[in-house]
Amino acid sequence: MNRDEYSLLFHRLELNRVAFKRLMDCDEEVLKLVNAAIEQEREACALVAEKRLLLDDRGAAQQGHYEACKNIANEIRSRA
């Protein structure tokens, strides 16, 4: 996650509202930000696997590869 993505996520989660709280008093907000960043990264990784599906959509000969990529994307998204 680069600095711009972090900034957008920070504001989308409205964490800018706690910008002046002491860090020790921001446990819930920090956890919310970390979990949102993890979720966003997982989705980006899953999309990489799905992009391989589109590139390798060449018919039945690639069926095993298709299933493997789809399973990888699903496993990435389901991690908790």
PDB file of N, CA and C in Angstrom:
ATOM      1  N   MET A   1       0.857  -1.166   0.000  1.00  0.00           N
ATOM      2  CA  MET A   1       0.000   0.000   0.000  1.00  0.00           C
ATOM      3  C   MET A   1       0.906   1.232   0.000  1.00  0.00           C
ATOM      4  N   ASN A   2       0.695   2.101  -0.962  1.00  0.00           N
ATOM      5  CA  ASN A   2       1.525   3.300  -1.009  1.00  0.00           C
ATOM      6  C   ASN A   2       0.893   4.423  -0.169  1.00  0.00           C
ATOM      7  N   ARG A   3       1.607   5.551  -0.067  1.00  0.00           N
ATOM      8  CA  ARG A   3       1.174   6.653   0.805  1.00  0.00           C
ATOM      9  C   ARG A   3      -0.195   7.218   0.376  1.00  0.00           C
ATOM     10  N   ASP A   4      -0.423   7.345  -0.908  1.00  0.00           N
ATOM     11  CA  ASP A   4      -1.707   7.872  -1.385  1.00  0.00           C
ATOM     12  C   ASP A   4      -2.854   6.931  -1.034  1.00  0.00           C
ATOM     13  N   GLU A   5      -2.648   5.623  -1.215  1.00  0.00           N
ATOM     14  CA  GLU A   5      -3.683   4.648  -0.861  1.00  0.00           C
ATOM     15  C   GLU A   5      -3.971   4.691   0.636  1.00  0.00           C
ATOM     16  N   TYR A   6      -2.898   4.815   1.434  1.00  0.00           N
ATOM     17  CA  TYR A   6      -3.060   4.922   2.888  1.00  0.00           C
ATOM     18  C   TYR A   6      -3.878   6.155   3.249  1.00  0.00           C
ATOM     19  N   SER A   7      -3.551   7.279   2.638  1.00  0.00           N
ATOM     20  CA  SER A   7      -4.262   8.531   2.933  1.00  0.00           C
ATOM     21  C   SER A   7      -5.739   8.426   2.569  1.00  0.00           C
ATOM     22  N   LEU A   8      -6.030   7.861   1.401  1.00  0.00           N
ATOM     23  CA  LEU A   8      -7.428   7.686   0.991  1.00  0.00           C
ATOM     24  C   LEU A   8      -8.184   6.780   1.968  1.00  0.00           C
ATOM     25  N   LEU A   9      -7.548   5.693   2.368  1.00  0.00           N
ATOM     26  CA  LEU A   9      -8.164   4.764   3.311  1.00  0.00           C
ATOM     27  C   LEU A   9      -8.397   5.436   4.655  1.00  0.00           C
ATOM     28  N   PHE A  10      -7.429   6.188   5.122  1.00  0.00           N
ATOM     29  CA  PHE A  10      -7.514   6.916   6.394  1.00  0.00           C
ATOM     30  C   PHE A  10      -8.736   7.839   6.402  1.00  0.00           C
ATOM     31  N   HIS A  11      -8.934   8.567   5.320  1.00  0.00           N
ATOM     32  CA  HIS A  11     -10.063   9.503   5.240  1.00  0.00           C
ATOM     33  C   HIS A  11     -11.387   8.789   4.966  1.00  0.00           C
ATOM     34  N   ARG A  12     -11.354   7.724   4.163  1.00  0.00           N
ATOM     35  CA  ARG A  12     -12.581   6.974   3.887  1.00  0.00           C
ATOM     36  C   ARG A  12     -13.140   6.361   5.172  1.00  0.00           C
ATOM     37  N   LEU A  13     -12.249   5.922   6.057  1.00  0.00           N
ATOM     38  CA  LEU A  13     -12.674   5.347   7.336  1.00  0.00           C
ATOM     39  C   LEU A  13     -12.959   6.418   8.386  1.00  0.00           C
ATOM     40  N   GLU A  14     -12.799   7.688   7.990  1.00  0.00           N
ATOM     41  CA  GLU A  14     -13.039   8.845   8.861  1.00  0.00           C
ATOM     42  C   GLU A  14     -12.153   8.837  10.099  1.00  0.00           C
ATOM     43  N   LEU A  15     -10.948   8.313   9.942  1.00  0.00           N
ATOM     44  CA  LEU A  15     -10.014   8.302  11.064  1.00  0.00           C
ATOM     45  C   LEU A  15      -9.370   9.663  11.277  1.00  0.00           C
ATOM     46  N   ASN A  16      -9.532  10.559  10.314  1.00  0.00           N
ATOM     47  CA  ASN A  16      -9.028  11.911  10.488  1.00  0.00           C
ATOM     48  C   ASN A  16      -9.725  12.616  11.658  1.00  0.00           C
ATOM     49  N   ARG A  17     -10.864  12.109  12.075  1.00  0.00           N
ATOM     50  CA  ARG A  17     -11.586  12.683  13.210  1.00  0.00           C
ATOM     51  C   ARG A  17     -10.876  12.453  14.534  1.00  0.00           C
ATOM     52  N   VAL A  18      -9.962  11.501  14.580  1.00  0.00           N
ATOM     53  CA  VAL A  18      -9.245  11.207  15.823  1.00  0.00           C
ATOM     54  C   VAL A  18      -7.774  11.602  15.703  1.00  0.00           C
ATOM     55  N   ALA A  19      -7.450  12.436  14.748  1.00  0.00           N
ATOM     56  CA  ALA A  19      -6.059  12.783  14.474  1.00  0.00           C
ATOM     57  C   ALA A  19      -5.352  13.420  15.667  1.00  0.00           C
ATOM     58  N   PHE A  20      -6.103  14.022  16.557  1.00  0.00           N
ATOM     59  CA  PHE A  20      -5.466  14.707  17.671  1.00  0.00           C
ATOM     60  C   PHE A  20      -5.583  13.941  18.985  1.00  0.00           C
ATOM     61  N   LYS A  21      -6.045  12.709  18.929  1.00  0.00           N
ATOM     62  CA  LYS A  21      -6.069  11.864  20.120  1.00  0.00           C
ATOM     63  C   LYS A  21      -4.682  11.272  20.349  1.00  0.00           C
ATOM     64  N   ARG A  22      -4.372  10.967  21.580  1.00  0.00           N
ATOM     65  CA  ARG A  22      -3.111  10.283  21.875  1.00  0.00           C
ATOM     66  C   ARG A  22      -3.175   8.877  21.274  1.00  0.00           C
ATOM     67  N   LEU A  23      -2.060   8.398  20.770  1.00  0.00           N
ATOM     68  CA  LEU A  23      -2.031   7.078  20.148  1.00  0.00           C
ATOM     69  C   LEU A  23      -2.541   5.999  21.094  1.00  0.00           C
ATOM     70  N   MET A  24      -2.223   6.096  22.363  1.00  0.00           N
ATOM     71  CA  MET A  24      -2.663   5.104  23.340  1.00  0.00           C
ATOM     72  C   MET A  24      -4.189   5.068  23.467  1.00  0.00           C
ATOM     73  N   ASP A  25      -4.859   6.136  23.043  1.00  0.00           N
ATOM     74  CA  ASP A  25      -6.318   6.215  23.135  1.00  0.00           C
ATOM     75  C   ASP A  25      -7.003   5.885  21.811  1.00  0.00           C
ATOM     76  N   CYS A  26      -6.260   5.364  20.868  1.00  0.00           N
ATOM     77  CA  CYS A  26      -6.795   5.125  19.522  1.00  0.00           C
ATOM     78  C   CYS A  26      -6.787   3.654  19.133  1.00  0.00           C
ATOM     79  N   ASP A  27      -6.811   2.756  20.085  1.00  0.00           N
ATOM     80  CA  ASP A  27      -6.723   1.333  19.761  1.00  0.00           C
ATOM     81  C   ASP A  27      -7.747   0.901  18.726  1.00  0.00           C
ATOM     82  N   GLU A  28      -8.997   1.262  18.930  1.00  0.00           N
ATOM     83  CA  GLU A  28     -10.052   0.831  18.003  1.00  0.00           C
ATOM     84  C   GLU A  28      -9.838   1.407  16.617  1.00  0.00           C
ATOM     85  N   GLU A  29      -9.450   2.667  16.541  1.00  0.00           N
ATOM     86  CA  GLU A  29      -9.243   3.312  15.246  1.00  0.00           C
ATOM     87  C   GLU A  29      -8.044   2.702  14.514  1.00  0.00           C
ATOM     88  N   VAL A  30      -6.964   2.441  15.249  1.00  0.00           N
ATOM     89  CA  VAL A  30      -5.781   1.838  14.633  1.00  0.00           C
ATOM     90  C   VAL A  30      -6.107   0.433  14.127  1.00  0.00           C
ATOM     91  N   LEU A  31      -6.820  -0.330  14.932  1.00  0.00           N
ATOM     92  CA  LEU A  31      -7.212  -1.678  14.525  1.00  0.00           C
ATOM     93  C   LEU A  31      -8.105  -1.638  13.282  1.00  0.00           C
ATOM     94  N   LYS A  32      -9.010  -0.689  13.233  1.00  0.00           N
ATOM     95  CA  LYS A  32      -9.896  -0.528  12.080  1.00  0.00           C
ATOM     96  C   LYS A  32      -9.073  -0.233  10.814  1.00  0.00           C
ATOM     97  N   LEU A  33      -8.082   0.642  10.944  1.00  0.00           N
ATOM     98  CA  LEU A  33      -7.236   0.996   9.808  1.00  0.00           C
ATOM     99  C   LEU A  33      -6.405  -0.199   9.349  1.00  0.00           C
ATOM    100  N   VAL A  34      -5.801  -0.898  10.293  1.00  0.00           N
ATOM    101  CA  VAL A  34      -4.977  -2.064   9.951  1.00  0.00           C
ATOM    102  C   VAL A  34      -5.816  -3.135   9.259  1.00  0.00           C
ATOM    103  N   ASN A  35      -6.975  -3.438   9.805  1.00  0.00           N
ATOM    104  CA  ASN A  35      -7.832  -4.466   9.204  1.00  0.00           C
ATOM    105  C   ASN A  35      -8.320  -4.060   7.819  1.00  0.00           C
ATOM    106  N   ALA A  36      -8.633  -2.782   7.630  1.00  0.00           N
ATOM    107  CA  ALA A  36      -9.069  -2.309   6.314  1.00  0.00           C
ATOM    108  C   ALA A  36      -7.923  -2.402   5.311  1.00  0.00           C
ATOM    109  N   ALA A  37      -6.713  -2.082   5.738  1.00  0.00           N
ATOM    110  CA  ALA A  37      -5.558  -2.175   4.848  1.00  0.00           C
ATOM    111  C   ALA A  37      -5.291  -3.628   4.461  1.00  0.00           C
ATOM    112  N   ILE A  38      -5.410  -4.536   5.421  1.00  0.00           N
ATOM    113  CA  ILE A  38      -5.217  -5.958   5.141  1.00  0.00           C
ATOM    114  C   ILE A  38      -6.265  -6.444   4.144  1.00  0.00           C
ATOM    115  N   GLU A  39      -7.505  -6.056   4.358  1.00  0.00           N
ATOM    116  CA  GLU A  39      -8.585  -6.466   3.449  1.00  0.00           C
ATOM    117  C   GLU A  39      -8.335  -5.941   2.028  1.00  0.00           C
ATOM    118  N   GLN A  40      -7.895  -4.696   1.940  1.00  0.00           N
ATOM    119  CA  GLN A  40      -7.624  -4.100   0.632  1.00  0.00           C
ATOM    120  C   GLN A  40      -6.476  -4.828  -0.067  1.00  0.00           C
ATOM    121  N   GLU A  41      -5.428  -5.181   0.656  1.00  0.00           N
ATOM    122  CA  GLU A  41      -4.306  -5.908   0.072  1.00  0.00           C
ATOM    123  C   GLU A  41      -4.717  -7.311  -0.356  1.00  0.00           C
ATOM    124  N   ARG A  42      -5.544  -7.975   0.448  1.00  0.00           N
ATOM    125  CA  ARG A  42      -6.023  -9.310   0.065  1.00  0.00           C
ATOM    126  C   ARG A  42      -6.801  -9.251  -1.237  1.00  0.00           C
ATOM    127  N   GLU A  43      -7.659  -8.244  -1.352  1.00  0.00           N
ATOM    128  CA  GLU A  43      -8.452  -8.108  -2.567  1.00  0.00           C
ATOM    129  C   GLU A  43      -7.540  -7.860  -3.771  1.00  0.00           C
ATOM    130  N   ALA A  44      -6.514  -7.046  -3.593  1.00  0.00           N
ATOM    131  CA  ALA A  44      -5.577  -6.781  -4.687  1.00  0.00           C
ATOM    132  C   ALA A  44      -4.863  -8.068  -5.104  1.00  0.00           C
ATOM    133  N   CYS A  45      -4.472  -8.884  -4.140  1.00  0.00           N
ATOM    134  CA  CYS A  45      -3.813 -10.159  -4.455  1.00  0.00           C
ATOM    135  C   CYS A  45      -4.770 -11.112  -5.164  1.00  0.00           C
ATOM    136  N   ALA A  46      -6.008 -11.178  -4.702  1.00  0.00           N
ATOM    137  CA  ALA A  46      -7.002 -12.047  -5.328  1.00  0.00           C
ATOM    138  C   ALA A  46      -7.251 -11.613  -6.775  1.00  0.00           C
ATOM    139  N   LEU A  47      -7.247 -10.317  -7.010  1.00  0.00           N
ATOM    140  CA  LEU A  47      -7.447  -9.821  -8.373  1.00  0.00           C
ATOM    141  C   LEU A  47      -6.300 -10.214  -9.293  1.00  0.00           C
ATOM    142  N   VAL A  48      -5.092 -10.314  -8.742  1.00  0.00           N
ATOM    143  CA  VAL A  48      -3.950 -10.781  -9.550  1.00  0.00           C
ATOM    144  C   VAL A  48      -4.214 -12.204 -10.030  1.00  0.00           C
ATOM    145  N   ALA A  49      -4.691 -13.060  -9.125  1.00  0.00           N
ATOM    146  CA  ALA A  49      -5.000 -14.446  -9.505  1.00  0.00           C
ATOM    147  C   ALA A  49      -6.118 -14.479 -10.540  1.00  0.00           C
ATOM    148  N   GLU A  50      -7.143 -13.653 -10.346  1.00  0.00           N
ATOM    149  CA  GLU A  50      -8.249 -13.630 -11.314  1.00  0.00           C
ATOM    150  C   GLU A  50      -7.815 -13.066 -12.662  1.00  0.00           C
ATOM    151  N   LYS A  51      -6.870 -12.143 -12.651  1.00  0.00           N
ATOM    152  CA  LYS A  51      -6.362 -11.610 -13.911  1.00  0.00           C
ATOM    153  C   LYS A  51      -5.691 -12.729 -14.710  1.00  0.00           C
ATOM    154  N   ARG A  52      -5.007 -13.644 -14.023  1.00  0.00           N
ATOM    155  CA  ARG A  52      -4.418 -14.807 -14.698  1.00  0.00           C
ATOM    156  C   ARG A  52      -5.494 -15.646 -15.365  1.00  0.00           C
ATOM    157  N   LEU A  53      -6.669 -15.698 -14.758  1.00  0.00           N
ATOM    158  CA  LEU A  53      -7.769 -16.460 -15.357  1.00  0.00           C
ATOM    159  C   LEU A  53      -8.124 -15.887 -16.725  1.00  0.00           C
ATOM    160  N   LEU A  54      -8.178 -14.573 -16.797  1.00  0.00           N
ATOM    161  CA  LEU A  54      -8.536 -13.930 -18.060  1.00  0.00           C
ATOM    162  C   LEU A  54      -7.455 -14.142 -19.114  1.00  0.00           C
ATOM    163  N   LEU A  55      -6.199 -14.097 -18.683  1.00  0.00           N
ATOM    164  CA  LEU A  55      -5.100 -14.269 -19.630  1.00  0.00           C
ATOM    165  C   LEU A  55      -5.005 -15.695 -20.149  1.00  0.00           C
ATOM    166  N   ASP A  56      -5.423 -16.672 -19.325  1.00  0.00           N
ATOM    167  CA  ASP A  56      -5.273 -18.076 -19.693  1.00  0.00           C
ATOM    168  C   ASP A  56      -6.589 -18.748 -20.071  1.00  0.00           C
ATOM    169  N   ASP A  57      -7.563 -17.981 -20.487  1.00  0.00           N
ATOM    170  CA  ASP A  57      -8.862 -18.539 -20.854  1.00  0.00           C
ATOM    171  C   ASP A  57      -8.777 -19.094 -22.282  1.00  0.00           C
ATOM    172  N   ARG A  58      -8.144 -20.278 -22.408  1.00  0.00           N
ATOM    173  CA  ARG A  58      -7.914 -20.874 -23.729  1.00  0.00           C
ATOM    174  C   ARG A  58      -8.611 -22.213 -23.893  1.00  0.00           C
ATOM    175  N   GLY A  59      -9.611 -22.485 -23.077  1.00  0.00           N
ATOM    176  CA  GLY A  59     -10.364 -23.712 -23.270  1.00  0.00           C
ATOM    177  C   GLY A  59     -10.084 -24.792 -22.246  1.00  0.00           C
ATOM    178  N   ALA A  60     -10.568 -25.976 -22.536  1.00  0.00           N
ATOM    179  CA  ALA A  60     -10.540 -27.109 -21.603  1.00  0.00           C
ATOM    180  C   ALA A  60      -9.122 -27.530 -21.229  1.00  0.00           C
ATOM    181  N   ALA A  61      -8.154 -27.327 -22.132  1.00  0.00           N
ATOM    182  CA  ALA A  61      -6.779 -27.734 -21.826  1.00  0.00           C
ATOM    183  C   ALA A  61      -6.234 -26.972 -20.623  1.00  0.00           C
ATOM    184  N   GLN A  62      -6.765 -25.805 -20.372  1.00  0.00           N
ATOM    185  CA  GLN A  62      -6.307 -24.975 -19.265  1.00  0.00           C
ATOM    186  C   GLN A  62      -7.229 -25.069 -18.045  1.00  0.00           C
ATOM    187  N   GLN A  63      -8.180 -25.995 -18.060  1.00  0.00           N
ATOM    188  CA  GLN A  63      -9.178 -26.077 -16.999  1.00  0.00           C
ATOM    189  C   GLN A  63      -8.542 -26.234 -15.614  1.00  0.00           C
ATOM    190  N   GLY A  64      -7.513 -27.064 -15.494  1.00  0.00           N
ATOM    191  CA  GLY A  64      -6.847 -27.245 -14.208  1.00  0.00           C
ATOM    192  C   GLY A  64      -6.231 -25.956 -13.712  1.00  0.00           C
ATOM    193  N   HIS A  65      -5.641 -25.197 -14.612  1.00  0.00           N
ATOM    194  CA  HIS A  65      -5.043 -23.907 -14.252  1.00  0.00           C
ATOM    195  C   HIS A  65      -6.133 -22.920 -13.843  1.00  0.00           C
ATOM    196  N   TYR A  66      -7.230 -22.923 -14.578  1.00  0.00           N
ATOM    197  CA  TYR A  66      -8.359 -22.042 -14.263  1.00  0.00           C
ATOM    198  C   TYR A  66      -8.860 -22.306 -12.844  1.00  0.00           C
ATOM    199  N   GLU A  67      -9.083 -23.568 -12.519  1.00  0.00           N
ATOM    200  CA  GLU A  67      -9.573 -23.939 -11.183  1.00  0.00           C
ATOM    201  C   GLU A  67      -8.571 -23.547 -10.101  1.00  0.00           C
ATOM    202  N   ALA A  68      -7.291 -23.762 -10.376  1.00  0.00           N
ATOM    203  CA  ALA A  68      -6.256 -23.416  -9.391  1.00  0.00           C
ATOM    204  C   ALA A  68      -6.259 -21.913  -9.110  1.00  0.00           C
ATOM    205  N   CYS A  69      -6.325 -21.092 -10.152  1.00  0.00           N
ATOM    206  CA  CYS A  69      -6.340 -19.634  -9.969  1.00  0.00           C
ATOM    207  C   CYS A  69      -7.587 -19.191  -9.215  1.00  0.00           C
ATOM    208  N   LYS A  70      -8.722 -19.761  -9.559  1.00  0.00           N
ATOM    209  CA  LYS A  70      -9.976 -19.407  -8.882  1.00  0.00           C
ATOM    210  C   LYS A  70      -9.900 -19.797  -7.406  1.00  0.00           C
ATOM    211  N   ASN A  71      -9.356 -20.980  -7.113  1.00  0.00           N
ATOM    212  CA  ASN A  71      -9.215 -21.414  -5.719  1.00  0.00           C
ATOM    213  C   ASN A  71      -8.268 -20.509  -4.945  1.00  0.00           C
ATOM    214  N   ILE A  72      -7.184 -20.095  -5.580  1.00  0.00           N
ATOM    215  CA  ILE A  72      -6.235 -19.192  -4.921  1.00  0.00           C
ATOM    216  C   ILE A  72      -6.931 -17.873  -4.579  1.00  0.00           C
ATOM    217  N   ALA A  73      -7.656 -17.307  -5.537  1.00  0.00           N
ATOM    218  CA  ALA A  73      -8.362 -16.047  -5.284  1.00  0.00           C
ATOM    219  C   ALA A  73      -9.361 -16.198  -4.144  1.00  0.00           C
ATOM    220  N   ASN A  74     -10.108 -17.287  -4.125  1.00  0.00           N
ATOM    221  CA  ASN A  74     -11.082 -17.505  -3.051  1.00  0.00           C
ATOM    222  C   ASN A  74     -10.417 -17.684  -1.691  1.00  0.00           C
ATOM    223  N   GLU A  75      -9.292 -18.398  -1.659  1.00  0.00           N
ATOM    224  CA  GLU A  75      -8.578 -18.597  -0.398  1.00  0.00           C
ATOM    225  C   GLU A  75      -8.009 -17.294   0.135  1.00  0.00           C
ATOM    226  N   ILE A  76      -7.480 -16.461  -0.751  1.00  0.00           N
ATOM    227  CA  ILE A  76      -6.951 -15.169  -0.328  1.00  0.00           C
ATOM    228  C   ILE A  76      -8.061 -14.336   0.300  1.00  0.00           C
ATOM    229  N   ARG A  77      -9.215 -14.298  -0.349  1.00  0.00           N
ATOM    230  CA  ARG A  77     -10.322 -13.480   0.158  1.00  0.00           C
ATOM    231  C   ARG A  77     -10.883 -14.005   1.478  1.00  0.00           C
ATOM    232  N   SER A  78     -10.825 -15.316   1.696  1.00  0.00           N
ATOM    233  CA  SER A  78     -11.444 -15.893   2.893  1.00  0.00           C
ATOM    234  C   SER A  78     -10.526 -15.901   4.113  1.00  0.00           C
ATOM    235  N   ARG A  79      -9.271 -15.512   3.953  1.00  0.00           N
ATOM    236  CA  ARG A  79      -8.354 -15.495   5.104  1.00  0.00           C
ATOM    237  C   ARG A  79      -8.873 -14.540   6.159  1.00  0.00           C
ATOM    238  N   ALA A  80      -8.748 -14.947   7.377  1.00  0.00           N
ATOM    239  CA  ALA A  80      -9.183 -14.064   8.466  1.00  0.00           C
ATOM    240  C   ALA A  80      -8.241 -14.153   9.633  1.00  0.00           C
TER     241      ALA A  80
END
